[in-house]
N, C-alpha and C. Protein backbone atom coordinates (compact mmCIF):
# COMPACT_ATOMS: atom_id res chain seq x y z
N MET A 1 19.00 -6.55 21.37
CA MET A 1 19.26 -6.72 19.95
C MET A 1 18.11 -5.93 19.37
N VAL A 2 17.97 -4.75 18.66
CA VAL A 2 17.07 -4.24 18.09
C VAL A 2 17.00 -4.49 16.32
N LEU A 3 16.50 -4.90 15.64
CA LEU A 3 16.35 -5.47 14.30
C LEU A 3 14.86 -4.43 13.71
N VAL A 4 15.04 -3.91 12.13
CA VAL A 4 14.29 -3.01 12.10
C VAL A 4 13.96 -3.43 10.60
N PHE A 5 12.63 -3.67 10.33
CA PHE A 5 12.24 -4.16 8.98
C PHE A 5 11.24 -2.99 7.85
N LYS A 6 11.21 -3.02 6.94
CA LYS A 6 10.05 -2.59 6.54
C LYS A 6 9.02 -3.72 5.91
N THR A 7 7.80 -3.23 6.00
CA THR A 7 6.86 -4.40 5.59
C THR A 7 5.66 -3.57 5.24
N ASN A 8 4.72 -4.39 4.54
CA ASN A 8 3.37 -3.93 4.29
C ASN A 8 2.17 -4.35 5.19
N ILE A 9 2.63 -4.06 6.57
CA ILE A 9 1.82 -4.73 7.21
C ILE A 9 0.87 -3.19 7.92
N PHE A 10 -0.35 -3.59 7.75
CA PHE A 10 -1.29 -2.70 8.32
C PHE A 10 -1.73 -2.58 9.69
N SER A 11 -2.39 -1.38 10.41
CA SER A 11 -2.33 -1.25 11.85
C SER A 11 -3.52 -2.41 12.19
N GLN A 12 -4.75 -2.63 11.05
CA GLN A 12 -5.52 -3.64 11.29
C GLN A 12 -5.13 -4.95 11.73
N LEU A 13 -3.78 -5.17 10.96
CA LEU A 13 -2.92 -6.74 11.19
C LEU A 13 -1.96 -6.90 12.32
N GLU A 14 -1.90 -5.77 13.25
CA GLU A 14 -1.05 -5.78 14.28
C GLU A 14 -0.92 -6.88 15.42
N ILE A 15 -2.33 -7.13 15.79
CA ILE A 15 -2.43 -8.51 16.40
C ILE A 15 -2.28 -9.81 15.84
N HIS A 16 -2.64 -9.91 14.64
CA HIS A 16 -2.13 -11.15 14.09
C HIS A 16 -0.72 -11.23 14.08
N VAL A 17 -0.04 -10.16 13.70
CA VAL A 17 1.42 -10.25 13.48
C VAL A 17 1.86 -10.78 14.73
N LYS A 18 1.68 -10.07 15.99
CA LYS A 18 2.16 -10.19 17.14
C LYS A 18 2.10 -11.70 17.39
N ALA A 19 1.06 -12.13 17.09
CA ALA A 19 0.31 -13.80 17.59
C ALA A 19 1.19 -14.47 16.77
N ILE A 20 2.00 -14.13 15.71
CA ILE A 20 2.65 -15.25 14.58
C ILE A 20 4.18 -14.89 15.37
N LEU A 21 4.24 -13.59 15.87
CA LEU A 21 6.01 -13.58 16.17
C LEU A 21 6.04 -14.29 17.79
N ASP A 22 4.54 -14.45 18.76
CA ASP A 22 5.06 -14.83 19.81
C ASP A 22 5.40 -16.25 19.68
N SER A 23 6.04 -17.04 18.54
CA SER A 23 6.48 -18.07 18.59
C SER A 23 8.29 -18.09 19.01
N PHE A 24 8.59 -16.87 19.05
CA PHE A 24 10.04 -16.90 19.21
C PHE A 24 10.46 -16.20 20.58
N THR A 25 10.58 -16.75 21.58
CA THR A 25 11.03 -16.75 23.10
C THR A 25 12.01 -15.83 23.08
N GLN A 26 12.78 -15.35 22.10
CA GLN A 26 13.93 -14.67 22.25
C GLN A 26 13.28 -13.25 21.95
N ILE A 27 12.38 -12.73 21.61
CA ILE A 27 11.81 -11.48 21.29
C ILE A 27 11.13 -11.24 22.70
N THR A 28 11.66 -9.66 23.14
CA THR A 28 11.04 -9.04 23.98
C THR A 28 10.15 -8.07 23.94
N SER A 29 10.13 -7.37 22.81
CA SER A 29 9.24 -6.30 22.24
C SER A 29 8.69 -6.23 21.15
N VAL A 30 7.95 -6.11 20.51
CA VAL A 30 7.39 -6.01 19.01
C VAL A 30 6.59 -4.35 18.92
N ASN A 31 7.15 -3.55 18.11
CA ASN A 31 6.40 -2.38 17.89
C ASN A 31 6.27 -1.83 16.29
N PHE A 32 5.31 -1.41 15.97
CA PHE A 32 5.14 -0.62 14.78
C PHE A 32 5.15 0.66 14.78
N ASP A 33 5.26 1.13 13.58
CA ASP A 33 5.21 2.72 13.15
C ASP A 33 4.75 2.92 11.74
N PHE A 34 3.15 2.83 12.19
CA PHE A 34 2.31 2.72 10.57
C PHE A 34 2.45 3.96 10.28
N GLU A 35 2.62 5.06 10.49
CA GLU A 35 3.18 6.23 10.03
C GLU A 35 4.08 6.81 8.94
N ASP A 36 5.08 5.89 9.11
CA ASP A 36 6.36 5.72 8.43
C ASP A 36 6.08 5.19 6.99
N VAL A 37 6.55 5.68 6.01
CA VAL A 37 5.83 5.18 4.58
C VAL A 37 6.41 3.48 4.46
N ASP A 38 7.51 3.14 5.13
CA ASP A 38 8.17 2.03 5.56
C ASP A 38 7.24 0.77 6.19
N ARG A 39 6.21 1.72 6.97
CA ARG A 39 5.42 0.59 7.86
C ARG A 39 6.30 -0.14 8.67
N ILE A 40 7.19 0.61 9.45
CA ILE A 40 8.22 -0.07 10.09
C ILE A 40 7.72 -1.10 11.22
N LEU A 41 8.65 -2.06 11.17
CA LEU A 41 8.38 -2.94 12.04
C LEU A 41 9.74 -3.10 13.26
N ARG A 42 9.59 -3.01 14.39
CA ARG A 42 10.79 -2.84 15.26
C ARG A 42 10.82 -4.14 16.49
N ILE A 43 11.29 -4.79 16.67
CA ILE A 43 11.76 -6.28 17.37
C ILE A 43 12.96 -5.94 18.49
N GLU A 44 12.69 -6.04 19.43
CA GLU A 44 13.80 -6.33 20.45
C GLU A 44 13.66 -7.50 20.67
N ALA A 45 15.28 -7.99 20.60
CA ALA A 45 15.57 -9.71 20.95
C ALA A 45 16.55 -10.05 21.42
N THR A 46 17.07 -11.12 22.30
CA THR A 46 17.84 -11.63 22.75
C THR A 46 19.33 -11.97 22.03
N GLU A 47 18.74 -12.25 20.70
CA GLU A 47 20.02 -12.52 19.61
C GLU A 47 19.18 -12.16 18.01
N ASP A 48 19.98 -12.45 17.08
CA ASP A 48 19.69 -11.86 15.90
C ASP A 48 18.82 -12.92 15.14
N LEU A 49 17.73 -12.73 15.04
CA LEU A 49 16.35 -13.21 14.44
C LEU A 49 15.95 -13.00 13.35
N THR A 50 17.08 -12.02 12.40
CA THR A 50 16.33 -11.44 11.42
C THR A 50 15.96 -12.43 9.97
N SER A 51 16.97 -13.38 10.04
CA SER A 51 16.43 -14.41 8.70
C SER A 51 15.01 -15.23 8.94
N ASP A 52 14.85 -15.49 10.24
CA ASP A 52 13.70 -16.34 10.82
C ASP A 52 12.69 -15.29 10.70
N ILE A 53 12.54 -14.15 10.78
CA ILE A 53 11.36 -13.33 11.30
C ILE A 53 10.89 -13.02 9.43
N GLU A 54 12.26 -12.83 8.95
CA GLU A 54 11.73 -12.40 7.47
C GLU A 54 11.17 -13.77 6.89
N ASN A 55 11.76 -15.04 6.65
CA ASN A 55 11.05 -16.39 6.45
C ASN A 55 9.93 -16.12 6.74
N LEU A 56 9.58 -16.31 8.08
CA LEU A 56 8.19 -16.64 8.81
C LEU A 56 7.09 -15.49 7.94
N LEU A 57 7.40 -14.20 8.34
CA LEU A 57 6.28 -13.17 7.66
C LEU A 57 6.29 -13.69 6.21
N LYS A 58 7.44 -13.88 5.91
CA LYS A 58 6.77 -14.16 3.97
C LYS A 58 6.39 -15.36 3.93
N SER A 59 6.56 -16.39 4.63
CA SER A 59 5.49 -17.72 4.28
C SER A 59 4.25 -17.03 4.71
N LYS A 60 4.16 -16.26 5.64
CA LYS A 60 2.35 -16.06 5.78
C LYS A 60 2.20 -14.61 4.90
N ARG A 61 2.61 -14.69 3.87
CA ARG A 61 2.50 -13.74 2.37
C ARG A 61 2.49 -12.21 2.88
N PHE A 62 3.31 -11.84 3.94
CA PHE A 62 3.89 -10.47 4.29
C PHE A 62 4.91 -10.18 3.43
N TYR A 63 5.64 -8.70 3.11
CA TYR A 63 6.36 -8.23 2.53
C TYR A 63 7.34 -7.93 4.09
N CYS A 64 8.41 -8.43 4.26
CA CYS A 64 9.26 -8.02 5.34
C CYS A 64 11.07 -8.12 4.97
N GLU A 65 11.51 -6.92 4.71
CA GLU A 65 13.05 -7.06 4.51
C GLU A 65 13.84 -5.95 5.73
N GLU A 66 14.50 -6.53 6.22
CA GLU A 66 15.42 -5.90 7.14
C GLU A 66 15.97 -4.56 6.69
N LEU A 67 15.78 -3.52 7.40
CA LEU A 67 16.70 -2.05 7.15
C LEU A 67 17.77 -1.84 7.68
N THR A 68 18.95 -1.86 7.00
CA THR A 68 20.02 -1.55 7.47
C THR A 68 20.91 -0.04 7.63
């Protein structure tokens, strides 16, 4: 399953955000598209973690909203 989010994350924070997301064993891949105006976060996971990811990143003061 591929999850796609609009964020306010910059390339300098990529390693930090990936470390935060390491707590999810269901995530198999994390990619960013910093050239996109929405600074896309694309996650491949074995189950739907949309709410969990949004809540975790928001608790760390990042903007994170699912793109549908």
